[in-house]
Amino acid sequence: MSFKQVDISSKQVVYREATAVGRIRLKPSTIELIKKGKLEKGDAVSLASMTAIMAAKQTPSIIPLCHPLRIEESVPTVKVGKEWVEVSMKVAAHEKTGVEMEALTAVSVALLNIWDVTKMYEKDSNGQYPSTEIGPIRVVKKVKRAA
């Protein structure tokens, strides 16, 4: 089987925007630690925001068929609920191809980082994660308009 990056050379540069969102479900006791800033590894909300920005910029490094894009705007939002943390990421650029993968990658990696800093509180007595869960992750908005 062979792979190839899609030829976008004939496409016009236009404004592209995508917003992705996803959640991680956590124990209420873990959520309280996040809200009080008591996680041993540090502030999960700030980490998720910074990680989302970094991950968006690294998308072509980890998604092999994505084109490298000049991202012009990255806006992460992190909300903490009673049993979840939600990460939303808006990515925008003037490019020949969309920014959905950058937004999805940003949300995914941010949620994985939240898992990393909370895993010690989420394990059961057997070292398993019976209630910790990531998903769904989806694109909730896409914009494409003339530059």
Protein backbone atom coordinates (compact mmCIF):
# COMPACT_ATOMS: atom_id res chain seq x y z
CA MET A 1 0.00 0.00 0.00
CA SER A 2 1.26 3.48 -0.78
CA PHE A 3 0.47 6.83 0.75
CA LYS A 4 0.70 10.35 -0.57
CA GLN A 5 0.08 13.84 0.59
CA VAL A 6 -2.78 15.41 -1.39
CA ASP A 7 -1.68 17.97 -4.00
CA ILE A 8 -3.11 21.35 -2.96
CA SER A 9 -1.00 23.43 -5.35
CA SER A 10 -3.99 24.49 -7.46
CA LYS A 11 -6.12 25.54 -4.49
CA GLN A 12 -6.54 29.19 -3.53
CA VAL A 13 -5.47 30.61 -0.19
CA VAL A 14 -8.59 31.38 1.83
CA TYR A 15 -9.44 32.02 5.46
CA ARG A 16 -9.84 28.72 7.32
CA GLU A 17 -11.08 28.22 10.84
CA ALA A 18 -12.01 25.16 12.86
CA THR A 19 -13.08 24.61 16.42
CA ALA A 20 -12.84 21.19 18.05
CA VAL A 21 -14.05 20.15 21.48
CA GLY A 22 -13.59 17.13 23.72
CA ARG A 23 -13.94 16.03 27.32
CA ILE A 24 -12.27 13.85 29.87
CA ARG A 25 -14.46 12.32 32.55
CA LEU A 26 -12.88 12.28 36.00
CA LYS A 27 -13.90 11.43 39.55
CA PRO A 28 -15.58 14.31 41.42
CA SER A 29 -12.76 14.13 43.98
CA THR A 30 -10.19 14.68 41.20
CA ILE A 31 -12.23 17.60 39.85
CA GLU A 32 -12.13 19.19 43.32
CA LEU A 33 -8.33 18.88 43.36
CA ILE A 34 -8.18 20.60 39.97
CA LYS A 35 -10.49 23.41 41.12
CA LYS A 36 -8.47 23.95 44.31
CA GLY A 37 -5.12 23.82 42.49
CA LYS A 38 -4.00 20.84 44.56
CA LEU A 39 -2.72 18.43 41.89
CA GLU A 40 0.79 17.27 42.68
CA LYS A 41 1.91 17.77 39.08
CA GLY A 42 0.50 21.30 38.84
CA ASP A 43 -2.30 23.32 37.27
CA ALA A 44 -4.18 21.08 34.83
CA VAL A 45 -6.13 23.96 33.26
CA SER A 46 -3.05 26.04 32.41
CA LEU A 47 -1.21 22.95 31.21
CA ALA A 48 -4.09 21.96 28.92
CA SER A 49 -4.24 25.45 27.41
CA MET A 50 -0.52 25.63 26.68
CA THR A 51 -0.41 22.03 25.46
CA ALA A 52 -3.27 22.67 23.02
CA ILE A 53 -1.36 25.55 21.42
CA MET A 54 1.84 23.52 21.17
CA ALA A 55 0.05 20.46 19.78
CA ALA A 56 -1.71 22.44 17.05
CA LYS A 57 1.65 23.66 15.79
CA GLN A 58 3.08 20.12 15.81
CA THR A 59 0.23 18.45 13.90
CA PRO A 60 2.18 17.72 10.68
CA SER A 61 4.90 16.09 12.79
CA ILE A 62 2.50 13.49 14.20
CA ILE A 63 -0.16 13.23 11.45
CA PRO A 64 2.06 12.30 8.50
CA LEU A 65 -0.20 13.30 5.61
CA CYS A 66 -1.11 16.75 6.97
CA HIS A 67 0.37 19.79 5.29
CA PRO A 68 2.42 22.19 7.44
CA LEU A 69 0.31 25.31 7.95
CA ARG A 70 1.05 28.82 9.14
CA ILE A 71 -1.37 29.02 12.03
CA GLU A 72 -2.40 32.62 12.68
CA GLU A 73 -4.64 32.12 15.69
CA SER A 74 -4.93 29.47 18.39
CA VAL A 75 -7.52 29.95 21.12
CA PRO A 76 -7.82 27.22 23.74
CA THR A 77 -10.65 27.22 26.27
CA VAL A 78 -10.78 24.89 29.26
CA LYS A 79 -13.93 24.41 31.34
CA VAL A 80 -14.22 22.34 34.50
CA GLY A 81 -17.56 20.70 35.30
CA LYS A 82 -18.66 18.43 38.15
CA GLU A 83 -17.25 15.25 36.58
CA TRP A 84 -15.39 16.44 33.49
CA VAL A 85 -12.89 18.82 32.01
CA GLU A 86 -13.71 20.13 28.54
CA VAL A 87 -11.11 21.47 26.14
CA SER A 88 -12.09 23.55 23.13
CA MET A 89 -9.62 24.80 20.53
CA LYS A 90 -10.16 27.34 17.77
CA VAL A 91 -7.49 27.39 15.07
CA ALA A 92 -7.40 29.87 12.19
CA ALA A 93 -5.15 30.51 9.20
CA HIS A 94 -5.13 31.80 5.63
CA GLU A 95 -4.18 28.60 3.82
CA LYS A 96 -4.96 26.24 0.93
CA THR A 97 -6.26 23.49 3.20
CA GLY A 98 -8.30 23.32 6.39
CA VAL A 99 -7.24 23.46 10.01
CA GLU A 100 -9.53 20.75 11.40
CA MET A 101 -6.68 18.34 12.10
CA GLU A 102 -4.81 21.02 14.04
CA ALA A 103 -7.86 21.71 16.20
CA LEU A 104 -8.53 17.99 16.77
CA THR A 105 -4.88 17.28 17.58
CA ALA A 106 -4.80 20.19 20.01
CA VAL A 107 -7.84 18.95 21.92
CA SER A 108 -6.65 15.34 21.94
CA VAL A 109 -3.18 16.13 23.27
CA ALA A 110 -4.53 18.59 25.85
CA LEU A 111 -6.89 15.92 27.18
CA LEU A 112 -4.06 13.37 27.30
CA ASN A 113 -2.06 15.83 29.40
CA ILE A 114 -4.97 16.20 31.80
CA TRP A 115 -5.06 12.40 32.06
CA ASP A 116 -1.33 12.42 32.82
CA VAL A 117 -1.56 14.93 35.67
CA THR A 118 -4.65 13.28 37.20
CA LYS A 119 -3.95 9.58 36.73
CA MET A 120 -2.59 9.10 40.24
CA TYR A 121 -5.99 10.17 41.63
CA GLU A 122 -8.05 8.18 39.14
CA LYS A 123 -6.61 4.69 39.71
CA ASP A 124 -8.54 2.11 41.69
CA SER A 125 -6.96 -0.33 44.16
CA ASN A 126 -5.90 -2.56 41.23
CA GLY A 127 -4.19 0.30 39.37
CA GLN A 128 -6.98 0.48 36.77
CA TYR A 129 -9.01 3.45 35.51
CA PRO A 130 -12.62 2.23 35.75
CA SER A 131 -14.28 5.62 35.24
CA THR A 132 -11.69 7.81 33.54
CA GLU A 133 -12.59 8.35 29.91
CA ILE A 134 -11.75 10.68 27.03
CA GLY A 135 -14.33 11.48 24.38
CA PRO A 136 -16.11 12.28 22.30
CA ILE A 137 -13.77 14.61 20.43
CA ARG A 138 -15.30 16.36 17.44
CA VAL A 139 -15.21 19.39 15.18
CA VAL A 140 -18.04 21.70 16.19
CA LYS A 141 -17.37 24.54 13.73
CA LYS A 142 -15.67 24.97 10.39
CA VAL A 143 -15.32 28.21 8.42
CA LYS A 144 -14.00 28.71 4.91
CA ARG A 145 -14.25 32.08 3.19
CA ALA A 146 -12.43 34.14 0.61
CA ALA A 147 -9.35 35.89 1.94
